[in-house]
Amino acid sequence: MHDKLAALLDRLKAHQRDLILAMAGHDGMPAGSALRQVAELENVIAAVEAVADEEATRERKSG
């Protein structure tokens, strides 16, 4: 995986983890906006992983 994609993926996962842990620290149901942020991050994480996989496949084919 390219270093830049790996770094981005690490940042996104860390931010998502921080949000989840913050929600876990409070009683009751998390705010809808916090839930949406986690879901949006999950979608972006999946997209970055897909691009990383595509790049790795391209590198294997060309190398």
PDB file of N, CA and C in Angstrom:
ATOM      1  N   MET A   1       0.855  -1.182   0.000  1.00  0.00           N
ATOM      2  CA  MET A   1       0.000   0.000   0.000  1.00  0.00           C
ATOM      3  C   MET A   1       0.895   1.238   0.000  1.00  0.00           C
ATOM      4  N   HIS A   2       0.531   2.200  -0.773  1.00  0.00           N
ATOM      5  CA  HIS A   2       1.299   3.437  -0.806  1.00  0.00           C
ATOM      6  C   HIS A   2       1.321   4.068   0.577  1.00  0.00           C
ATOM      7  N   ASP A   3       2.442   4.693   0.899  1.00  0.00           N
ATOM      8  CA  ASP A   3       2.606   5.308   2.213  1.00  0.00           C
ATOM      9  C   ASP A   3       1.536   6.354   2.494  1.00  0.00           C
ATOM     10  N   LYS A   4       1.200   7.148   1.480  1.00  0.00           N
ATOM     11  CA  LYS A   4       0.198   8.207   1.680  1.00  0.00           C
ATOM     12  C   LYS A   4      -1.180   7.611   1.950  1.00  0.00           C
ATOM     13  N   LEU A   5      -1.529   6.549   1.235  1.00  0.00           N
ATOM     14  CA  LEU A   5      -2.820   5.902   1.474  1.00  0.00           C
ATOM     15  C   LEU A   5      -2.848   5.247   2.849  1.00  0.00           C
ATOM     16  N   ALA A   6      -1.739   4.622   3.241  1.00  0.00           N
ATOM     17  CA  ALA A   6      -1.664   3.988   4.555  1.00  0.00           C
ATOM     18  C   ALA A   6      -1.791   5.024   5.664  1.00  0.00           C
ATOM     19  N   ALA A   7      -1.133   6.169   5.479  1.00  0.00           N
ATOM     20  CA  ALA A   7      -1.211   7.228   6.487  1.00  0.00           C
ATOM     21  C   ALA A   7      -2.630   7.780   6.590  1.00  0.00           C
ATOM     22  N   LEU A   8      -3.267   7.980   5.446  1.00  0.00           N
ATOM     23  CA  LEU A   8      -4.657   8.458   5.444  1.00  0.00           C
ATOM     24  C   LEU A   8      -5.560   7.459   6.140  1.00  0.00           C
ATOM     25  N   LEU A   9      -5.391   6.196   5.822  1.00  0.00           N
ATOM     26  CA  LEU A   9      -6.203   5.145   6.429  1.00  0.00           C
ATOM     27  C   LEU A   9      -6.005   5.126   7.946  1.00  0.00           C
ATOM     28  N   ASP A  10      -4.785   5.262   8.385  1.00  0.00           N
ATOM     29  CA  ASP A  10      -4.506   5.299   9.825  1.00  0.00           C
ATOM     30  C   ASP A  10      -5.207   6.474  10.499  1.00  0.00           C
ATOM     31  N   ARG A  11      -5.154   7.648   9.859  1.00  0.00           N
ATOM     32  CA  ARG A  11      -5.807   8.832  10.436  1.00  0.00           C
ATOM     33  C   ARG A  11      -7.324   8.661  10.509  1.00  0.00           C
ATOM     34  N   LEU A  12      -7.905   8.138   9.440  1.00  0.00           N
ATOM     35  CA  LEU A  12      -9.355   7.945   9.412  1.00  0.00           C
ATOM     36  C   LEU A  12      -9.799   6.953  10.483  1.00  0.00           C
ATOM     37  N   LYS A  13      -9.077   5.844  10.600  1.00  0.00           N
ATOM     38  CA  LYS A  13      -9.430   4.831  11.604  1.00  0.00           C
ATOM     39  C   LYS A  13      -9.259   5.362  13.017  1.00  0.00           C
ATOM     40  N   ALA A  14      -8.215   6.140  13.232  1.00  0.00           N
ATOM     41  CA  ALA A  14      -7.984   6.718  14.562  1.00  0.00           C
ATOM     42  C   ALA A  14      -9.101   7.684  14.930  1.00  0.00           C
ATOM     43  N   HIS A  15      -9.516   8.491  13.974  1.00  0.00           N
ATOM     44  CA  HIS A  15     -10.598   9.453  14.240  1.00  0.00           C
ATOM     45  C   HIS A  15     -11.909   8.717  14.518  1.00  0.00           C
ATOM     46  N   GLN A  16     -12.184   7.688  13.732  1.00  0.00           N
ATOM     47  CA  GLN A  16     -13.404   6.904  13.954  1.00  0.00           C
ATOM     48  C   GLN A  16     -13.363   6.244  15.334  1.00  0.00           C
ATOM     49  N   ARG A  17     -12.218   5.687  15.683  1.00  0.00           N
ATOM     50  CA  ARG A  17     -12.058   5.043  16.990  1.00  0.00           C
ATOM     51  C   ARG A  17     -12.285   6.048  18.118  1.00  0.00           C
ATOM     52  N   ASP A  18     -11.719   7.249  17.980  1.00  0.00           N
ATOM     53  CA  ASP A  18     -11.895   8.292  18.997  1.00  0.00           C
ATOM     54  C   ASP A  18     -13.367   8.647  19.170  1.00  0.00           C
ATOM     55  N   LEU A  19     -14.089   8.764  18.062  1.00  0.00           N
ATOM     56  CA  LEU A  19     -15.519   9.081  18.136  1.00  0.00           C
ATOM     57  C   LEU A  19     -16.291   7.969  18.846  1.00  0.00           C
ATOM     58  N   ILE A  20     -15.983   6.733  18.504  1.00  0.00           N
ATOM     59  CA  ILE A  20     -16.684   5.598  19.110  1.00  0.00           C
ATOM     60  C   ILE A  20     -16.398   5.528  20.607  1.00  0.00           C
ATOM     61  N   LEU A  21     -15.148   5.707  20.979  1.00  0.00           N
ATOM     62  CA  LEU A  21     -14.801   5.669  22.402  1.00  0.00           C
ATOM     63  C   LEU A  21     -15.446   6.823  23.166  1.00  0.00           C
ATOM     64  N   ALA A  22     -15.541   7.983  22.541  1.00  0.00           N
ATOM     65  CA  ALA A  22     -16.215   9.120  23.182  1.00  0.00           C
ATOM     66  C   ALA A  22     -17.695   8.816  23.390  1.00  0.00           C
ATOM     67  N   MET A  23     -18.330   8.195  22.392  1.00  0.00           N
ATOM     68  CA  MET A  23     -19.742   7.834  22.533  1.00  0.00           C
ATOM     69  C   MET A  23     -19.922   6.788  23.629  1.00  0.00           C
ATOM     70  N   ALA A  24     -18.980   5.863  23.730  1.00  0.00           N
ATOM     71  CA  ALA A  24     -19.071   4.800  24.733  1.00  0.00           C
ATOM     72  C   ALA A  24     -18.941   5.359  26.147  1.00  0.00           C
ATOM     73  N   GLY A  25     -18.298   6.496  26.270  1.00  0.00           N
ATOM     74  CA  GLY A  25     -18.101   7.097  27.578  1.00  0.00           C
ATOM     75  C   GLY A  25     -19.325   7.794  28.141  1.00  0.00           C
ATOM     76  N   HIS A  26     -20.375   7.882  27.380  1.00  0.00           N
ATOM     77  CA  HIS A  26     -21.595   8.567  27.820  1.00  0.00           C
ATOM     78  C   HIS A  26     -22.740   7.568  27.928  1.00  0.00           C
ATOM     79  N   ASP A  27     -23.581   7.801  28.910  1.00  0.00           N
ATOM     80  CA  ASP A  27     -24.777   6.971  29.042  1.00  0.00           C
ATOM     81  C   ASP A  27     -25.797   7.382  27.981  1.00  0.00           C
ATOM     82  N   GLY A  28     -26.647   6.476  27.636  1.00  0.00           N
ATOM     83  CA  GLY A  28     -27.716   6.775  26.691  1.00  0.00           C
ATOM     84  C   GLY A  28     -27.280   6.604  25.255  1.00  0.00           C
ATOM     85  N   MET A  29     -28.196   6.919  24.391  1.00  0.00           N
ATOM     86  CA  MET A  29     -27.986   6.764  22.949  1.00  0.00           C
ATOM     87  C   MET A  29     -27.136   7.918  22.429  1.00  0.00           C
ATOM     88  N   PRO A  30     -26.146   7.628  21.596  1.00  0.00           N
ATOM     89  CA  PRO A  30     -25.332   8.696  21.012  1.00  0.00           C
ATOM     90  C   PRO A  30     -26.176   9.592  20.111  1.00  0.00           C
ATOM     91  N   ALA A  31     -25.715  10.801  19.952  1.00  0.00           N
ATOM     92  CA  ALA A  31     -26.405  11.749  19.070  1.00  0.00           C
ATOM     93  C   ALA A  31     -26.365  11.242  17.639  1.00  0.00           C
ATOM     94  N   GLY A  32     -27.413  11.555  16.907  1.00  0.00           N
ATOM     95  CA  GLY A  32     -27.491  11.145  15.514  1.00  0.00           C
ATOM     96  C   GLY A  32     -26.328  11.668  14.688  1.00  0.00           C
ATOM     97  N   SER A  33     -25.875  12.878  14.991  1.00  0.00           N
ATOM     98  CA  SER A  33     -24.762  13.450  14.231  1.00  0.00           C
ATOM     99  C   SER A  33     -23.478  12.647  14.456  1.00  0.00           C
ATOM    100  N   ALA A  34     -23.265  12.173  15.669  1.00  0.00           N
ATOM    101  CA  ALA A  34     -22.076  11.359  15.962  1.00  0.00           C
ATOM    102  C   ALA A  34     -22.170  10.021  15.231  1.00  0.00           C
ATOM    103  N   LEU A  35     -23.351   9.446  15.220  1.00  0.00           N
ATOM    104  CA  LEU A  35     -23.545   8.175  14.509  1.00  0.00           C
ATOM    105  C   LEU A  35     -23.306   8.351  13.014  1.00  0.00           C
ATOM    106  N   ARG A  36     -23.776   9.463  12.468  1.00  0.00           N
ATOM    107  CA  ARG A  36     -23.574   9.736  11.041  1.00  0.00           C
ATOM    108  C   ARG A  36     -22.092   9.914  10.729  1.00  0.00           C
ATOM    109  N   GLN A  37     -21.362  10.580  11.624  1.00  0.00           N
ATOM    110  CA  GLN A  37     -19.924  10.760  11.405  1.00  0.00           C
ATOM    111  C   GLN A  37     -19.210   9.418  11.361  1.00  0.00           C
ATOM    112  N   VAL A  38     -19.563   8.533  12.279  1.00  0.00           N
ATOM    113  CA  VAL A  38     -18.941   7.209  12.305  1.00  0.00           C
ATOM    114  C   VAL A  38     -19.266   6.455  11.015  1.00  0.00           C
ATOM    115  N   ALA A  39     -20.517   6.522  10.588  1.00  0.00           N
ATOM    116  CA  ALA A  39     -20.925   5.835   9.362  1.00  0.00           C
ATOM    117  C   ALA A  39     -20.230   6.422   8.137  1.00  0.00           C
ATOM    118  N   GLU A  40     -20.120   7.736   8.084  1.00  0.00           N
ATOM    119  CA  GLU A  40     -19.436   8.374   6.957  1.00  0.00           C
ATOM    120  C   GLU A  40     -17.962   7.979   6.929  1.00  0.00           C
ATOM    121  N   LEU A  41     -17.343   7.951   8.098  1.00  0.00           N
ATOM    122  CA  LEU A  41     -15.947   7.522   8.164  1.00  0.00           C
ATOM    123  C   LEU A  41     -15.792   6.085   7.692  1.00  0.00           C
ATOM    124  N   GLU A  42     -16.737   5.225   8.068  1.00  0.00           N
ATOM    125  CA  GLU A  42     -16.681   3.827   7.639  1.00  0.00           C
ATOM    126  C   GLU A  42     -16.713   3.723   6.114  1.00  0.00           C
ATOM    127  N   ASN A  43     -17.548   4.548   5.486  1.00  0.00           N
ATOM    128  CA  ASN A  43     -17.624   4.557   4.018  1.00  0.00           C
ATOM    129  C   ASN A  43     -16.327   5.041   3.398  1.00  0.00           C
ATOM    130  N   VAL A  44     -15.737   6.079   3.971  1.00  0.00           N
ATOM    131  CA  VAL A  44     -14.482   6.608   3.439  1.00  0.00           C
ATOM    132  C   VAL A  44     -13.352   5.598   3.651  1.00  0.00           C
ATOM    133  N   ILE A  45     -13.332   4.952   4.811  1.00  0.00           N
ATOM    134  CA  ILE A  45     -12.321   3.923   5.079  1.00  0.00           C
ATOM    135  C   ILE A  45     -12.423   2.809   4.034  1.00  0.00           C
ATOM    136  N   ALA A  46     -13.629   2.364   3.758  1.00  0.00           N
ATOM    137  CA  ALA A  46     -13.825   1.314   2.750  1.00  0.00           C
ATOM    138  C   ALA A  46     -13.359   1.782   1.380  1.00  0.00           C
ATOM    139  N   ALA A  47     -13.618   3.029   1.043  1.00  0.00           N
ATOM    140  CA  ALA A  47     -13.197   3.556  -0.260  1.00  0.00           C
ATOM    141  C   ALA A  47     -11.677   3.625  -0.355  1.00  0.00           C
ATOM    142  N   VAL A  48     -11.025   4.076   0.706  1.00  0.00           N
ATOM    143  CA  VAL A  48      -9.558   4.163   0.699  1.00  0.00           C
ATOM    144  C   VAL A  48      -8.958   2.762   0.597  1.00  0.00           C
ATOM    145  N   GLU A  49      -9.526   1.808   1.322  1.00  0.00           N
ATOM    146  CA  GLU A  49      -9.047   0.427   1.236  1.00  0.00           C
ATOM    147  C   GLU A  49      -9.212  -0.125  -0.181  1.00  0.00           C
ATOM    148  N   ALA A  50     -10.320   0.206  -0.840  1.00  0.00           N
ATOM    149  CA  ALA A  50     -10.544  -0.262  -2.209  1.00  0.00           C
ATOM    150  C   ALA A  50      -9.507   0.326  -3.157  1.00  0.00           C
ATOM    151  N   VAL A  51      -9.215   1.603  -3.006  1.00  0.00           N
ATOM    152  CA  VAL A  51      -8.208   2.241  -3.856  1.00  0.00           C
ATOM    153  C   VAL A  51      -6.836   1.620  -3.579  1.00  0.00           C
ATOM    154  N   ALA A  52      -6.530   1.381  -2.326  1.00  0.00           N
ATOM    155  CA  ALA A  52      -5.249   0.758  -1.984  1.00  0.00           C
ATOM    156  C   ALA A  52      -5.136  -0.628  -2.611  1.00  0.00           C
ATOM    157  N   ASP A  53      -6.217  -1.385  -2.571  1.00  0.00           N
ATOM    158  CA  ASP A  53      -6.213  -2.713  -3.208  1.00  0.00           C
ATOM    159  C   ASP A  53      -6.013  -2.607  -4.715  1.00  0.00           C
ATOM    160  N   GLU A  54      -6.669  -1.642  -5.344  1.00  0.00           N
ATOM    161  CA  GLU A  54      -6.511  -1.440  -6.788  1.00  0.00           C
ATOM    162  C   GLU A  54      -5.066  -1.071  -7.129  1.00  0.00           C
ATOM    163  N   GLU A  55      -4.479  -0.203  -6.322  1.00  0.00           N
ATOM    164  CA  GLU A  55      -3.095   0.203  -6.558  1.00  0.00           C
ATOM    165  C   GLU A  55      -2.152  -0.987  -6.386  1.00  0.00           C
ATOM    166  N   ALA A  56      -2.378  -1.798  -5.380  1.00  0.00           N
ATOM    167  CA  ALA A  56      -1.536  -2.971  -5.149  1.00  0.00           C
ATOM    168  C   ALA A  56      -1.653  -3.950  -6.314  1.00  0.00           C
ATOM    169  N   THR A  57      -2.860  -4.128  -6.840  1.00  0.00           N
ATOM    170  CA  THR A  57      -3.070  -5.017  -7.989  1.00  0.00           C
ATOM    171  C   THR A  57      -2.338  -4.479  -9.208  1.00  0.00           C
ATOM    172  N   ARG A  58      -2.419  -3.176  -9.437  1.00  0.00           N
ATOM    173  CA  ARG A  58      -1.716  -2.551 -10.572  1.00  0.00           C
ATOM    174  C   ARG A  58      -0.207  -2.750 -10.448  1.00  0.00           C
ATOM    175  N   GLU A  59       0.301  -2.565  -9.252  1.00  0.00           N
ATOM    176  CA  GLU A  59       1.740  -2.715  -9.040  1.00  0.00           C
ATOM    177  C   GLU A  59       2.194  -4.155  -9.291  1.00  0.00           C
ATOM    178  N   ARG A  60       1.385  -5.111  -8.855  1.00  0.00           N
ATOM    179  CA  ARG A  60       1.733  -6.522  -9.068  1.00  0.00           C
ATOM    180  C   ARG A  60       1.741  -6.848 -10.563  1.00  0.00           C
ATOM    181  N   LYS A  61       0.778  -6.301 -11.296  1.00  0.00           N
ATOM    182  CA  LYS A  61       0.681  -6.584 -12.727  1.00  0.00           C
ATOM    183  C   LYS A  61       1.809  -5.918 -13.517  1.00  0.00           C
ATOM    184  N   SER A  62       2.215  -4.740 -13.073  1.00  0.00           N
ATOM    185  CA  SER A  62       3.250  -4.040 -13.828  1.00  0.00           C
ATOM    186  C   SER A  62       4.658  -4.404 -13.380  1.00  0.00           C
ATOM    187  N   GLY A  63       4.766  -5.022 -12.214  1.00  0.00           N
ATOM    188  CA  GLY A  63       6.102  -5.317 -11.695  1.00  0.00           C
ATOM    189  C   GLY A  63       6.450  -6.697 -11.794  1.00  0.00           C
TER     190      GLY A  63
END
